[in-house]
N, C-alpha and C. Protein backbone atom coordinates (compact mmCIF):
# COMPACT_ATOMS: atom_id res chain seq x y z
N UNK A 1 -10.95 6.73 -13.63
CA UNK A 1 -10.96 6.18 -12.37
C UNK A 1 -11.73 7.20 -11.19
N UNK A 2 -12.81 7.03 -10.78
CA UNK A 2 -13.16 8.10 -10.25
C UNK A 2 -12.11 8.46 -8.34
N UNK A 3 -11.69 9.30 -7.86
CA UNK A 3 -10.40 8.64 -7.33
C UNK A 3 -11.09 9.71 -5.89
N UNK A 4 -12.95 9.94 -6.22
CA UNK A 4 -13.35 10.40 -4.49
C UNK A 4 -13.25 9.33 -3.99
N UNK A 5 -13.91 8.28 -4.82
CA UNK A 5 -14.08 6.79 -3.99
C UNK A 5 -13.99 5.69 -4.68
N UNK A 6 -13.47 4.41 -4.37
CA UNK A 6 -12.95 3.35 -4.71
C UNK A 6 -13.70 2.42 -4.36
N UNK A 7 -14.09 1.12 -5.45
CA UNK A 7 -15.20 -0.49 -5.08
C UNK A 7 -14.47 -0.80 -4.15
N UNK A 8 -14.48 -1.65 -3.20
CA UNK A 8 -13.62 -2.52 -2.31
C UNK A 8 -13.18 -3.98 -3.67
N UNK A 9 -13.65 -3.83 -3.97
CA UNK A 9 -13.55 -4.41 -5.28
C UNK A 9 -11.80 -4.19 -5.74
N UNK A 10 -12.14 -3.26 -6.08
CA UNK A 10 -10.66 -2.41 -6.41
C UNK A 10 -9.44 -2.61 -5.46
N UNK A 11 -9.76 -2.50 -4.20
CA UNK A 11 -8.21 -2.28 -3.15
C UNK A 11 -8.19 -3.74 -3.20
N UNK A 12 -9.40 -4.32 -2.86
CA UNK A 12 -9.40 -5.83 -2.59
C UNK A 12 -8.39 -6.33 -3.50
N UNK A 13 -7.99 -6.27 -4.89
CA UNK A 13 -7.63 -6.81 -5.66
C UNK A 13 -6.40 -5.98 -5.57
N UNK A 14 -6.25 -5.12 -5.18
CA UNK A 14 -5.44 -4.58 -5.76
C UNK A 14 -3.74 -5.10 -4.43
N UNK A 15 -4.95 -5.41 -3.14
CA UNK A 15 -4.25 -6.35 -1.60
C UNK A 15 -4.31 -7.52 -2.04
N UNK A 16 -4.98 -7.73 -3.17
CA UNK A 16 -4.00 -9.30 -2.42
C UNK A 16 -3.16 -10.05 -3.70
N UNK A 17 -2.88 -8.80 -4.78
CA UNK A 17 -1.94 -8.99 -6.08
C UNK A 17 -0.67 -8.16 -5.68
N UNK A 18 -0.57 -7.39 -4.77
CA UNK A 18 0.77 -6.02 -4.46
C UNK A 18 1.23 -6.97 -3.43
N UNK A 19 2.49 -8.06 -3.74
CA UNK A 19 2.57 -8.35 -2.51
C UNK A 19 3.89 -8.18 -1.77
N UNK A 20 5.10 -7.30 -3.19
CA UNK A 20 6.34 -6.10 -2.86
C UNK A 20 5.89 -4.64 -3.19
N UNK A 21 5.72 -3.77 -2.06
CA UNK A 21 5.62 -2.35 -2.13
C UNK A 21 6.89 -1.82 -2.30
N UNK A 22 6.92 -1.51 -2.33
CA UNK A 22 8.21 -0.15 -2.43
C UNK A 22 7.91 1.08 -1.66
N UNK A 23 7.98 1.55 -0.48
CA UNK A 23 6.86 2.37 0.62
C UNK A 23 8.59 4.10 0.50
N UNK A 24 7.37 4.38 -0.22
CA UNK A 24 8.97 5.58 -0.45
C UNK A 24 8.06 6.98 0.73
N UNK A 25 9.12 7.61 1.36
CA UNK A 25 9.27 8.10 2.47
C UNK A 25 9.07 7.82 3.95
N UNK A 26 9.80 6.21 4.12
CA UNK A 26 9.95 5.41 4.81
C UNK A 26 10.25 6.28 5.68
N UNK A 27 9.88 6.42 7.54
CA UNK A 27 10.94 6.57 8.84
C UNK A 27 11.43 5.81 9.28
N UNK A 28 12.69 5.44 10.12
CA UNK A 28 12.98 4.83 11.37
C UNK A 28 12.48 5.26 12.14
N UNK A 29 11.29 6.42 12.22
CA UNK A 29 11.00 6.47 14.00
C UNK A 29 9.53 5.73 14.13
N UNK A 30 10.28 5.06 15.58
CA UNK A 30 8.82 3.54 15.62
C UNK A 30 6.86 4.85 16.33
N UNK A 31 7.10 5.98 16.00
CA UNK A 31 5.89 6.38 16.36
C UNK A 31 5.17 6.71 15.03
N UNK A 32 6.15 7.09 14.52
CA UNK A 32 5.63 7.59 12.24
C UNK A 32 4.41 6.75 12.46
N UNK A 33 3.11 7.38 11.09
CA UNK A 33 2.49 6.38 10.07
C UNK A 33 3.83 5.48 9.28
N UNK A 34 4.62 5.61 8.27
CA UNK A 34 4.96 5.03 7.95
C UNK A 34 5.86 4.32 8.14
N UNK A 35 6.13 3.69 10.24
CA UNK A 35 6.92 2.75 10.68
C UNK A 35 4.89 1.71 10.89
N UNK A 36 4.60 1.92 11.36
CA UNK A 36 3.13 1.39 11.70
C UNK A 36 2.66 0.64 10.33
N UNK A 37 2.55 1.51 9.45
CA UNK A 37 2.09 0.90 7.65
C UNK A 37 3.34 -0.40 7.67
N UNK A 38 4.54 0.07 7.47
CA UNK A 38 6.14 -0.73 7.30
C UNK A 38 5.64 -1.77 8.33
N UNK A 39 5.35 -1.82 9.83
CA UNK A 39 5.44 -3.17 10.26
C UNK A 39 4.34 -4.40 10.14
N UNK A 40 2.82 -3.11 9.92
CA UNK A 40 1.38 -3.79 9.99
C UNK A 40 2.04 -4.97 8.48
N UNK A 41 2.28 -4.31 7.17
CA UNK A 41 2.22 -4.99 6.03
C UNK A 41 3.08 -6.60 6.07
N UNK A 42 4.21 -5.93 6.94
CA UNK A 42 5.02 -6.66 6.49
C UNK A 42 4.47 -8.25 7.72
N UNK A 43 4.07 -7.39 8.70
CA UNK A 43 4.06 -8.65 9.50
C UNK A 43 2.06 -9.09 8.99
N UNK A 44 1.81 -9.04 7.64
CA UNK A 44 0.68 -9.41 7.03
C UNK A 44 0.98 -10.54 5.85
N UNK A 45 2.17 -10.51 5.59
CA UNK A 45 3.35 -11.27 4.37
C UNK A 45 3.96 -10.71 3.18
N UNK A 46 3.16 -8.87 3.71
CA UNK A 46 3.53 -8.52 2.44
C UNK A 46 5.53 -8.07 2.61
N UNK A 47 5.93 -8.41 1.51
CA UNK A 47 7.57 -7.84 1.69
C UNK A 47 7.26 -5.90 1.12
N UNK A 48 7.92 -5.92 1.51
CA UNK A 48 8.13 -4.07 1.94
C UNK A 48 9.34 -3.45 1.84
N UNK A 49 9.49 -2.94 1.44
CA UNK A 49 10.87 -2.19 0.56
C UNK A 49 11.31 -0.84 0.99
N UNK A 50 12.43 -0.26 2.40
CA UNK A 50 11.73 1.14 2.64
C UNK A 50 12.55 1.63 1.48
N UNK A 51 11.66 3.12 1.55
CA UNK A 51 12.74 3.92 0.17
C UNK A 51 12.92 5.54 1.42
N UNK A 52 14.57 5.77 1.50
CA UNK A 52 14.64 6.95 1.78
C UNK A 52 15.77 7.17 2.48
N UNK A 53 16.69 8.78 1.22
CA UNK A 53 17.68 9.01 1.55
C UNK A 53 17.91 9.32 2.45
N UNK A 54 17.94 9.25 3.68
CA UNK A 54 18.59 9.37 4.71
C UNK A 54 18.93 8.68 5.64
N UNK A 55 18.47 7.44 5.07
CA UNK A 55 18.53 6.57 5.59
C UNK A 55 18.97 4.91 5.53
N UNK A 56 19.39 5.44 3.38
CA UNK A 56 20.21 4.30 3.39
C UNK A 56 20.75 3.60 3.74
N UNK A 57 21.33 1.92 3.31
CA UNK A 57 22.16 1.76 3.43
C UNK A 57 21.80 1.02 4.82
N UNK A 58 21.02 1.39 5.72
CA UNK A 58 20.10 1.12 7.48
C UNK A 58 19.34 -0.24 7.46
N UNK A 59 19.39 -1.03 8.31
CA UNK A 59 17.74 -1.73 8.09
C UNK A 59 16.67 -1.71 9.12
N UNK A 60 15.70 -1.78 8.98
CA UNK A 60 14.32 -1.34 9.84
C UNK A 60 14.28 -2.93 9.00
N UNK A 61 13.36 -3.20 10.77
CA UNK A 61 12.93 -5.24 10.33
C UNK A 61 13.30 -5.96 9.81
N UNK A 62 14.65 -5.68 9.67
CA UNK A 62 16.03 -7.13 9.11
C UNK A 62 15.67 -6.34 7.57
N UNK A 63 15.06 -5.11 6.69
CA UNK A 63 14.52 -5.14 5.50
C UNK A 63 15.95 -3.68 5.58
N UNK A 64 16.00 -3.43 4.29
CA UNK A 64 16.93 -2.95 3.98
C UNK A 64 17.01 -1.36 3.47
N UNK A 65 17.46 -0.58 3.98
CA UNK A 65 16.42 0.88 3.64
C UNK A 65 17.44 1.31 2.42
N UNK A 66 16.19 1.74 1.08
CA UNK A 66 17.26 1.73 -0.07
C UNK A 66 16.96 3.76 0.41
N UNK A 67 17.84 4.41 -0.52
CA UNK A 67 17.82 5.92 -1.77
C UNK A 67 16.82 6.19 -2.29
N UNK A 68 16.34 5.38 -3.51
CA UNK A 68 15.57 5.70 -4.19
C UNK A 68 15.33 4.45 -4.40
N UNK A 69 13.48 4.38 -5.65
CA UNK A 69 13.19 3.46 -5.77
C UNK A 69 14.02 2.84 -7.52
N UNK A 70 14.99 3.38 -7.68
CA UNK A 70 15.81 3.12 -9.07
C UNK A 70 16.99 2.19 -8.78
N UNK A 71 17.05 2.41 -7.07
CA UNK A 71 18.40 1.64 -6.68
C UNK A 71 17.26 0.92 -6.06
N UNK A 72 16.22 -0.12 -5.90
CA UNK A 72 15.45 -1.17 -5.30
C UNK A 72 16.03 -2.61 -6.33
N UNK A 73 16.19 -3.38 -5.68
CA UNK A 73 17.17 -4.85 -6.94
C UNK A 73 16.23 -5.48 -7.94
N UNK A 74 15.00 -5.30 -7.24
CA UNK A 74 14.10 -6.49 -7.90
C UNK A 74 13.03 -5.71 -8.44
N UNK A 75 11.47 -6.14 -8.78
CA UNK A 75 10.74 -5.64 -8.52
C UNK A 75 9.95 -5.12 -8.05
N UNK A 76 9.23 -4.50 -7.82
CA UNK A 76 7.89 -3.66 -7.59
C UNK A 76 6.39 -3.89 -7.23
N UNK A 77 6.03 -4.29 -6.97
CA UNK A 77 4.12 -4.67 -7.29
C UNK A 77 3.61 -3.13 -7.16
N UNK A 78 3.92 -2.52 -5.48
CA UNK A 78 3.41 -1.29 -5.77
C UNK A 78 3.95 -0.26 -5.19
N UNK A 79 4.09 1.25 -5.33
CA UNK A 79 4.59 2.13 -4.63
C UNK A 79 3.88 2.99 -3.20
N UNK A 80 4.46 2.26 -2.45
CA UNK A 80 3.29 3.39 -1.84
C UNK A 80 3.88 4.88 -1.10
N UNK A 81 3.48 5.86 -1.08
CA UNK A 81 4.14 6.80 -0.81
C UNK A 81 3.60 7.95 0.38
N UNK A 82 5.24 8.14 1.38
CA UNK A 82 3.79 9.00 2.51
C UNK A 82 4.80 9.58 1.92
N UNK A 83 4.69 10.69 0.97
CA UNK A 83 5.06 12.11 0.68
C UNK A 83 4.33 13.79 0.92
N UNK A 84 3.98 14.76 1.02
CA UNK A 84 3.33 15.36 0.38
C UNK A 84 2.88 15.67 -0.19
N UNK A 85 1.73 15.80 -1.14
CA UNK A 85 1.55 15.69 -2.64
C UNK A 85 2.48 16.85 -3.62
N UNK A 86 2.84 18.00 -3.20
CA UNK A 86 3.49 18.18 -4.10
C UNK A 86 4.46 17.91 -4.18
N UNK A 87 5.42 16.77 -3.66
CA UNK A 87 6.32 16.07 -3.67
C UNK A 87 5.72 14.19 -4.44
N UNK A 88 4.93 14.32 -5.37
CA UNK A 88 4.26 12.65 -5.60
C UNK A 88 4.92 12.60 -7.37
N UNK A 89 4.72 14.18 -7.98
CA UNK A 89 4.54 13.78 -8.95
C UNK A 89 6.57 13.54 -9.79
N UNK A 90 7.48 13.83 -8.72
CA UNK A 90 9.13 13.50 -8.60
C UNK A 90 9.09 10.89 -8.02
N UNK A 91 7.82 10.96 -7.45
CA UNK A 91 8.01 9.81 -7.41
C UNK A 91 7.90 8.80 -8.37
N UNK A 92 5.64 9.55 -8.62
CA UNK A 92 5.17 8.80 -9.68
C UNK A 92 6.70 8.81 -10.88
N UNK A 93 7.18 9.38 -11.53
CA UNK A 93 8.55 10.05 -12.38
C UNK A 93 9.65 9.08 -12.44
N UNK A 94 9.79 8.54 -11.32
CA UNK A 94 10.56 7.85 -11.17
C UNK A 94 10.28 6.65 -10.92
N UNK A 95 8.81 6.03 -10.89
CA UNK A 95 8.36 4.87 -10.27
C UNK A 95 8.03 3.72 -11.27
N UNK A 96 7.53 4.73 -13.23
CA UNK A 96 7.49 5.12 -14.49
C UNK A 96 9.02 4.48 -14.83
N UNK A 97 9.92 5.08 -14.36
CA UNK A 97 10.87 5.09 -15.38
C UNK A 97 11.47 3.67 -14.65
N UNK A 98 11.30 2.72 -13.52
CA UNK A 98 11.35 1.53 -13.54
C UNK A 98 10.78 0.30 -14.10
N UNK A 99 11.64 -0.96 -14.75
CA UNK A 99 11.69 -2.02 -15.51
C UNK A 99 11.73 -3.59 -14.88
N UNK A 100 10.77 -3.97 -14.57
CA UNK A 100 9.18 -3.72 -14.80
C UNK A 100 7.99 -2.43 -14.34
N UNK A 101 7.24 -1.77 -14.38
CA UNK A 101 6.60 -1.11 -13.90
C UNK A 101 5.63 -1.71 -12.97
N UNK A 102 6.22 -0.94 -11.51
CA UNK A 102 4.58 -1.11 -10.88
C UNK A 102 3.76 -1.65 -11.14
N UNK A 103 2.39 -2.06 -10.50
CA UNK A 103 1.15 -2.02 -10.70
C UNK A 103 0.51 -1.32 -10.01
N UNK A 104 1.13 -0.47 -9.19
CA UNK A 104 -0.14 0.49 -8.27
C UNK A 104 0.40 1.73 -7.54
N UNK A 105 0.66 2.43 -8.18
CA UNK A 105 -0.05 3.36 -7.14
C UNK A 105 -0.26 3.92 -5.76
N UNK A 106 0.02 3.83 -4.96
CA UNK A 106 -0.86 4.26 -3.64
C UNK A 106 -0.54 5.45 -2.69
N UNK A 107 -1.44 6.68 -3.18
CA UNK A 107 -1.46 8.20 -2.30
C UNK A 107 -1.51 7.37 -0.64
N UNK A 108 -0.68 7.96 0.49
CA UNK A 108 -1.45 8.25 1.50
C UNK A 108 -2.23 8.93 1.74
N UNK A 109 -2.89 8.37 3.09
CA UNK A 109 -4.15 9.61 3.77
C UNK A 109 -3.33 11.07 3.62
N UNK A 110 -4.73 11.80 3.21
CA UNK A 110 -3.48 13.41 2.74
C UNK A 110 -3.68 13.33 1.55
N UNK A 111 -2.25 12.55 0.78
CA UNK A 111 -1.88 12.37 -0.17
C UNK A 111 -2.37 13.05 -1.53
N UNK A 112 -3.20 14.11 -2.27
CA UNK A 112 -3.92 14.15 -3.59
C UNK A 112 -2.58 14.25 -4.22
N UNK A 113 -2.47 13.94 -5.43
CA UNK A 113 -1.89 14.81 -6.52
C UNK A 113 -2.31 14.22 -7.91
N UNK A 114 -3.83 14.62 -8.70
CA UNK A 114 -4.35 14.35 -9.79
C UNK A 114 -3.85 13.87 -11.01
N UNK A 115 -2.89 15.16 -10.76
CA UNK A 115 -1.66 15.33 -12.09
C UNK A 115 -1.37 13.84 -12.37
N UNK A 116 -0.18 13.92 -11.32
CA UNK A 116 0.45 12.71 -11.07
C UNK A 116 -0.09 11.67 -11.18
N UNK A 117 -1.22 11.23 -11.11
CA UNK A 117 -2.51 9.58 -11.00
C UNK A 117 -2.80 10.30 -12.41
N UNK A 118 -3.07 10.72 -13.21
CA UNK A 118 -3.25 10.46 -14.46
C UNK A 118 -2.22 10.13 -15.12
N UNK A 119 -1.06 10.45 -15.27
CA UNK A 119 0.25 10.27 -15.60
C UNK A 119 0.73 9.17 -15.37
N UNK A 120 0.12 8.57 -14.27
CA UNK A 120 0.79 6.92 -14.36
C UNK A 120 -0.61 6.25 -14.62
N UNK A 121 -1.51 6.28 -14.76
CA UNK A 121 -3.01 5.92 -15.47
C UNK A 121 -2.62 5.16 -16.84
N UNK A 122 -2.32 6.66 -17.80
CA UNK A 122 -1.88 6.87 -19.15
C UNK A 122 -1.23 5.80 -18.67
N UNK A 123 -0.25 5.11 -18.03
CA UNK A 123 0.92 4.17 -18.18
C UNK A 123 0.11 2.57 -17.89
N UNK A 124 -0.89 2.28 -17.65
CA UNK A 124 -1.21 1.47 -17.50
C UNK A 124 -1.08 1.17 -16.46
N UNK A 125 -0.99 2.08 -14.89
CA UNK A 125 -0.85 1.71 -13.56
C UNK A 125 -2.29 2.57 -12.59
N UNK A 126 -2.43 1.38 -11.82
CA UNK A 126 -4.00 1.32 -11.38
C UNK A 126 -3.14 2.36 -9.57
N UNK A 127 -4.35 3.78 -9.69
CA UNK A 127 -3.59 4.18 -8.26
C UNK A 127 -5.04 4.67 -7.39
N UNK A 128 -4.27 5.08 -6.40
CA UNK A 128 -5.37 5.24 -5.14
C UNK A 128 -5.08 5.65 -4.54
N UNK A 129 -5.88 7.07 -4.03
CA UNK A 129 -5.22 8.26 -3.52
C UNK A 129 -6.13 8.48 -2.02
N UNK A 130 -5.12 9.28 -0.95
CA UNK A 130 -5.88 9.54 0.17
C UNK A 130 -6.45 8.17 0.58
N UNK A 131 -6.02 6.94 0.61
CA UNK A 131 -6.48 6.12 1.15
C UNK A 131 -5.23 5.32 2.32
N UNK A 132 -5.67 4.51 3.21
CA UNK A 132 -4.06 4.00 3.79
C UNK A 132 -4.07 2.39 3.54
N UNK A 133 -3.39 1.51 3.03
CA UNK A 133 -3.25 0.46 3.12
C UNK A 133 -3.63 -0.66 4.77
N UNK A 134 -3.44 -0.31 5.20
CA UNK A 134 -3.21 -1.01 6.55
C UNK A 134 -4.35 -0.57 7.05
N UNK A 135 -5.38 0.58 6.94
CA UNK A 135 -6.56 0.68 7.33
C UNK A 135 -7.78 -0.04 6.25
N UNK A 136 -7.41 -0.04 4.86
CA UNK A 136 -8.17 -0.52 4.33
C UNK A 136 -8.16 -2.20 4.14
N UNK A 137 -6.60 -2.97 4.19
CA UNK A 137 -6.56 -3.93 4.87
C UNK A 137 -7.43 -4.75 5.93
N UNK A 138 -7.34 -3.64 7.26
CA UNK A 138 -7.65 -4.21 8.80
C UNK A 138 -9.20 -4.41 7.94
N UNK A 139 -9.28 -3.37 6.54
CA UNK A 139 -11.65 -2.96 7.35
C UNK A 139 -11.49 -4.01 5.88
N UNK A 140 -11.16 -5.11 5.80
CA UNK A 140 -11.31 -5.34 4.40
C UNK A 140 -11.44 -7.23 4.86
N UNK A 141 -10.54 -6.80 5.48
CA UNK A 141 -10.78 -8.30 6.44
C UNK A 141 -11.09 -8.62 7.79
N UNK A 142 -11.43 -7.39 7.99
CA UNK A 142 -12.96 -7.97 8.81
C UNK A 142 -11.48 -8.15 10.19
N UNK A 143 -9.92 -7.36 10.47
CA UNK A 143 -9.69 -7.40 11.90
C UNK A 143 -10.13 -5.78 12.31
N UNK A 144 -10.38 -4.33 12.03
CA UNK A 144 -10.77 -3.73 12.45
C UNK A 144 -12.32 -3.51 13.61
N UNK A 145 -12.80 -4.47 12.46
CA UNK A 145 -14.39 -4.89 13.03
C UNK A 145 -14.46 -5.83 14.60
N UNK A 146 -13.42 -6.13 15.21
CA UNK A 146 -12.71 -6.92 16.33
C UNK A 146 -12.19 -5.58 17.53
N UNK A 147 -12.39 -4.33 17.18
CA UNK A 147 -12.33 -3.37 17.61
C UNK A 147 -14.26 -2.30 17.81
N UNK A 148 -14.87 -2.92 16.96
CA UNK A 148 -16.05 -1.91 16.96
C UNK A 148 -15.86 -1.09 15.93
N UNK A 149 -15.52 -1.45 15.19
CA UNK A 149 -15.63 0.07 14.32
C UNK A 149 -15.84 -0.37 13.58
N UNK A 150 -16.45 0.22 12.65
CA UNK A 150 -18.24 -0.24 11.69
C UNK A 150 -16.87 0.20 10.63
N UNK A 151 -17.10 -1.14 9.69
CA UNK A 151 -15.70 -0.85 8.28
C UNK A 151 -16.86 -1.42 7.09
N UNK A 152 -17.94 -0.36 7.10
CA UNK A 152 -18.96 -0.78 6.11
C UNK A 152 -19.11 -1.68 5.05
N UNK A 153 -18.39 -3.56 5.83
CA UNK A 153 -18.72 -4.25 4.80
C UNK A 153 -19.14 -5.74 5.54
N UNK A 154 -20.29 -6.11 5.41
CA UNK A 154 -20.92 -6.81 6.25
C UNK A 154 -21.18 -8.30 5.40
N UNK A 155 -20.85 -8.72 6.61
CA UNK A 155 -20.86 -11.25 5.98
C UNK A 155 -20.98 -11.78 7.31
N UNK A 156 -21.85 -12.53 7.12
CA UNK A 156 -21.94 -13.75 7.66
C UNK A 156 -20.33 -14.77 7.66
N UNK A 157 -19.71 -14.55 6.83
CA UNK A 157 -19.15 -15.19 6.97
C UNK A 157 -17.44 -14.38 7.78
N UNK A 158 -17.07 -15.87 7.92
CA UNK A 158 -16.28 -15.67 8.85
C UNK A 158 -14.70 -15.06 8.37
N UNK A 159 -14.61 -14.03 8.85
CA UNK A 159 -13.00 -13.81 8.80
C UNK A 159 -11.97 -15.25 8.32
N UNK A 160 -11.61 -15.48 7.03
CA UNK A 160 -10.25 -15.88 7.05
C UNK A 160 -9.29 -16.36 8.13
N UNK A 161 -8.44 -16.57 8.58
CA UNK A 161 -7.69 -16.69 9.21
C UNK A 161 -6.16 -17.13 9.15
N UNK A 162 -5.49 -16.09 8.90
CA UNK A 162 -3.89 -15.51 8.51
C UNK A 162 -2.83 -16.11 8.83
N UNK A 163 -2.60 -16.66 10.03
CA UNK A 163 -1.62 -16.53 10.87
C UNK A 163 -2.18 -16.61 12.55
N UNK A 164 -1.04 -16.56 13.38
CA UNK A 164 -1.29 -17.00 14.93
C UNK A 164 -1.64 -15.58 15.71
N UNK A 165 -3.12 -16.04 16.35
CA UNK A 165 -3.75 -14.33 17.24
C UNK A 165 -5.15 -14.39 16.58
N UNK A 166 -5.88 -13.18 17.59
CA UNK A 166 -6.84 -13.20 16.80
C UNK A 166 -6.79 -12.38 15.92
N UNK A 167 -5.69 -11.40 15.14
CA UNK A 167 -6.36 -10.57 14.79
C UNK A 167 -5.57 -10.64 13.29
N UNK A 168 -4.72 -11.84 12.65
CA UNK A 168 -4.17 -12.48 11.46
C UNK A 168 -5.48 -12.19 10.59
N UNK A 169 -5.89 -11.91 9.69
CA UNK A 169 -7.43 -12.31 8.95
C UNK A 169 -6.91 -11.92 7.96
N UNK A 170 -7.19 -12.78 6.69
CA UNK A 170 -6.77 -12.50 5.39
C UNK A 170 -8.03 -12.28 5.15
N UNK A 171 -7.70 -11.21 3.38
CA UNK A 171 -9.07 -10.51 2.19
C UNK A 171 -9.99 -11.39 1.70
N UNK A 172 -9.38 -12.75 1.66
CA UNK A 172 -10.11 -13.17 0.87
C UNK A 172 -10.73 -12.19 -0.38
N UNK A 173 -11.71 -13.11 -1.36
CA UNK A 173 -11.73 -12.83 -2.38
C UNK A 173 -12.94 -11.97 -3.02
N UNK A 174 -13.71 -11.80 -1.71
CA UNK A 174 -14.53 -10.60 -1.97
C UNK A 174 -15.68 -11.36 -3.16
N UNK A 175 -17.26 -10.35 -3.19
CA UNK A 175 -17.18 -10.95 -4.37
C UNK A 175 -16.83 -10.41 -5.63
N UNK A 176 -17.32 -11.67 -6.69
CA UNK A 176 -16.76 -11.54 -7.93
C UNK A 176 -17.44 -10.66 -8.45
N UNK A 177 -16.95 -9.61 -9.16
CA UNK A 177 -17.42 -8.57 -10.22
C UNK A 177 -16.35 -8.34 -11.78
N UNK A 178 -17.45 -8.03 -12.53
CA UNK A 178 -17.07 -8.35 -13.92
C UNK A 178 -15.76 -7.05 -14.07
N UNK A 179 -15.78 -5.98 -13.16
CA UNK A 179 -14.61 -5.63 -13.08
C UNK A 179 -13.56 -6.04 -13.65
């Protein structure tokens, strides 16, 4: 996989299938990016499980915070990493020890670790680096186009409504591909 550029179908496929997300490096500080993404994904119907050893046992927006991936008592589809690139490998190693393994390792903006990505891909796990699921969801669902941002997605079809409010759009199926 070329981690410098991802096809929209690859990202859309991940966001349409990964419904339980473990967020490693979650912050309870409401002005931190991890909190924005956490809240956004919850509002879009994802089950988001915050992971931060410094806040283990507490709750954020009704979700229990866990100390590590191993402490989560349910399977996770995706591990979203809000840690510096040099701290990614131990998180990926923890993810690989889970049973069942997650389907996706997602590294946030500015986070890239090619060695950890290769390890995850060798285990059959999809990897996304240097991207934000909140931004990608907004771009692919046309939510951000409401604000005049070029989403690189052009369609004459109306975005699928996902709930109440004018910015609750769904991803839809996108173009069918053989990938």
